[in-house]
């Protein structure tokens, strides 16, 4: 099963997590996937490793952005990219 197919099953219940893949978070935040992986390595972004895949709860990403913690990251893009 592909990475994107795993995340397609998103519950309509607001209490359930709305899981997103690295690709989906990258699209949602309009940044490169390399930046997401860098933030994961540096533990800057809220995420869960489920098996071999990273997953992000959309609600937690929104809270993270609203809290201002996302603004504390040096750069939204890798200088090497």
C-alpha atoms as a PDB file:
ATOM      1  CA  UNK A   1       0.000   0.000   0.000  1.00  0.00           C
ATOM      2  CA  UNK A   2       1.412   3.397  -0.927  1.00  0.00           C
ATOM      3  CA  UNK A   3       2.216   6.102   1.594  1.00  0.00           C
ATOM      4  CA  UNK A   4      -0.570   8.368   0.314  1.00  0.00           C
ATOM      5  CA  UNK A   5      -3.194   5.599   0.304  1.00  0.00           C
ATOM      6  CA  UNK A   6      -2.537   5.008   3.994  1.00  0.00           C
ATOM      7  CA  UNK A   7      -3.469   8.597   4.836  1.00  0.00           C
ATOM      8  CA  UNK A   8      -6.566   8.810   2.622  1.00  0.00           C
ATOM      9  CA  UNK A   9      -8.715   7.295   5.351  1.00  0.00           C
ATOM     10  CA  UNK A  10      -9.369  10.419   7.391  1.00  0.00           C
ATOM     11  CA  UNK A  11     -12.219  10.333   9.858  1.00  0.00           C
ATOM     12  CA  UNK A  12     -14.936  12.971   9.739  1.00  0.00           C
ATOM     13  CA  UNK A  13     -15.120  12.940  13.558  1.00  0.00           C
ATOM     14  CA  UNK A  14     -13.362  16.082  14.847  1.00  0.00           C
ATOM     15  CA  UNK A  15     -12.002  14.181  17.867  1.00  0.00           C
ATOM     16  CA  UNK A  16     -10.094  11.728  15.694  1.00  0.00           C
ATOM     17  CA  UNK A  17      -6.657  12.658  14.366  1.00  0.00           C
ATOM     18  CA  UNK A  18      -6.505  13.795  10.762  1.00  0.00           C
ATOM     19  CA  UNK A  19      -3.327  11.997   9.749  1.00  0.00           C
ATOM     20  CA  UNK A  20      -1.134  13.456   7.033  1.00  0.00           C
ATOM     21  CA  UNK A  21       2.036  12.133   5.390  1.00  0.00           C
ATOM     22  CA  UNK A  22       5.279  14.068   4.900  1.00  0.00           C
ATOM     23  CA  UNK A  23       4.150  14.844   1.346  1.00  0.00           C
ATOM     24  CA  UNK A  24       0.763  16.128   2.517  1.00  0.00           C
ATOM     25  CA  UNK A  25       2.291  18.316   5.263  1.00  0.00           C
ATOM     26  CA  UNK A  26       4.766  19.671   2.740  1.00  0.00           C
ATOM     27  CA  UNK A  27       1.887  20.638   0.418  1.00  0.00           C
ATOM     28  CA  UNK A  28      -0.178  22.009   3.320  1.00  0.00           C
ATOM     29  CA  UNK A  29       2.651  24.256   4.554  1.00  0.00           C
ATOM     30  CA  UNK A  30       3.954  25.061   1.043  1.00  0.00           C
ATOM     31  CA  UNK A  31       7.493  23.979   1.846  1.00  0.00           C
ATOM     32  CA  UNK A  32       9.886  21.331   0.549  1.00  0.00           C
ATOM     33  CA  UNK A  33       9.786  17.802   1.911  1.00  0.00           C
ATOM     34  CA  UNK A  34      13.492  18.150   2.728  1.00  0.00           C
ATOM     35  CA  UNK A  35      12.589  20.871   5.245  1.00  0.00           C
ATOM     36  CA  UNK A  36      10.024  18.593   6.897  1.00  0.00           C
ATOM     37  CA  UNK A  37      12.634  15.829   7.232  1.00  0.00           C
ATOM     38  CA  UNK A  38      15.145  18.319   8.671  1.00  0.00           C
ATOM     39  CA  UNK A  39      12.558  19.492  11.224  1.00  0.00           C
ATOM     40  CA  UNK A  40      11.875  15.860  12.116  1.00  0.00           C
ATOM     41  CA  UNK A  41      15.594  15.219  12.699  1.00  0.00           C
ATOM     42  CA  UNK A  42      15.810  18.354  14.833  1.00  0.00           C
ATOM     43  CA  UNK A  43      12.521  17.558  16.651  1.00  0.00           C
ATOM     44  CA  UNK A  44      10.959  20.897  15.712  1.00  0.00           C
ATOM     45  CA  UNK A  45       7.637  19.622  14.343  1.00  0.00           C
ATOM     46  CA  UNK A  46       5.019  17.482  16.123  1.00  0.00           C
ATOM     47  CA  UNK A  47       4.956  14.046  14.499  1.00  0.00           C
ATOM     48  CA  UNK A  48       4.538  10.332  15.110  1.00  0.00           C
ATOM     49  CA  UNK A  49       6.457   7.464  13.582  1.00  0.00           C
ATOM     50  CA  UNK A  50       4.020   4.706  12.726  1.00  0.00           C
ATOM     51  CA  UNK A  51       5.943   1.731  11.449  1.00  0.00           C
ATOM     52  CA  UNK A  52       8.414   3.188   8.975  1.00  0.00           C
ATOM     53  CA  UNK A  53       6.265   6.201   8.107  1.00  0.00           C
ATOM     54  CA  UNK A  54       6.054   9.622   9.712  1.00  0.00           C
ATOM     55  CA  UNK A  55       2.519  10.864  10.387  1.00  0.00           C
ATOM     56  CA  UNK A  56       1.280  14.290  11.411  1.00  0.00           C
ATOM     57  CA  UNK A  57      -2.024  15.162  13.059  1.00  0.00           C
ATOM     58  CA  UNK A  58      -3.379  18.183  11.179  1.00  0.00           C
ATOM     59  CA  UNK A  59      -4.841  19.614  14.405  1.00  0.00           C
ATOM     60  CA  UNK A  60      -1.422  19.453  16.093  1.00  0.00           C
ATOM     61  CA  UNK A  61       0.246  21.092  13.092  1.00  0.00           C
ATOM     62  CA  UNK A  62      -2.304  23.927  13.247  1.00  0.00           C
ATOM     63  CA  UNK A  63      -1.755  24.343  17.016  1.00  0.00           C
ATOM     64  CA  UNK A  64       2.022  24.305  16.469  1.00  0.00           C
ATOM     65  CA  UNK A  65       1.734  27.096  13.903  1.00  0.00           C
ATOM     66  CA  UNK A  66      -0.671  29.167  16.042  1.00  0.00           C
ATOM     67  CA  UNK A  67       1.566  28.764  19.112  1.00  0.00           C
ATOM     68  CA  UNK A  68       4.397  30.504  17.292  1.00  0.00           C
ATOM     69  CA  UNK A  69       6.756  27.551  17.676  1.00  0.00           C
ATOM     70  CA  UNK A  70       6.954  27.218  13.887  1.00  0.00           C
ATOM     71  CA  UNK A  71       8.203  30.810  13.714  1.00  0.00           C
ATOM     72  CA  UNK A  72      11.128  29.892  15.970  1.00  0.00           C
ATOM     73  CA  UNK A  73      12.669  27.688  13.292  1.00  0.00           C
ATOM     74  CA  UNK A  74      15.670  29.353  11.650  1.00  0.00           C
ATOM     75  CA  UNK A  75      14.482  28.811   8.126  1.00  0.00           C
ATOM     76  CA  UNK A  76      11.546  27.306   6.303  1.00  0.00           C
ATOM     77  CA  UNK A  77      13.899  25.991   3.616  1.00  0.00           C
ATOM     78  CA  UNK A  78      17.237  24.226   3.647  1.00  0.00           C
ATOM     79  CA  UNK A  79      19.981  26.529   2.341  1.00  0.00           C
ATOM     80  CA  UNK A  80      21.290  23.607   0.255  1.00  0.00           C
ATOM     81  CA  UNK A  81      17.934  23.179  -1.573  1.00  0.00           C
END
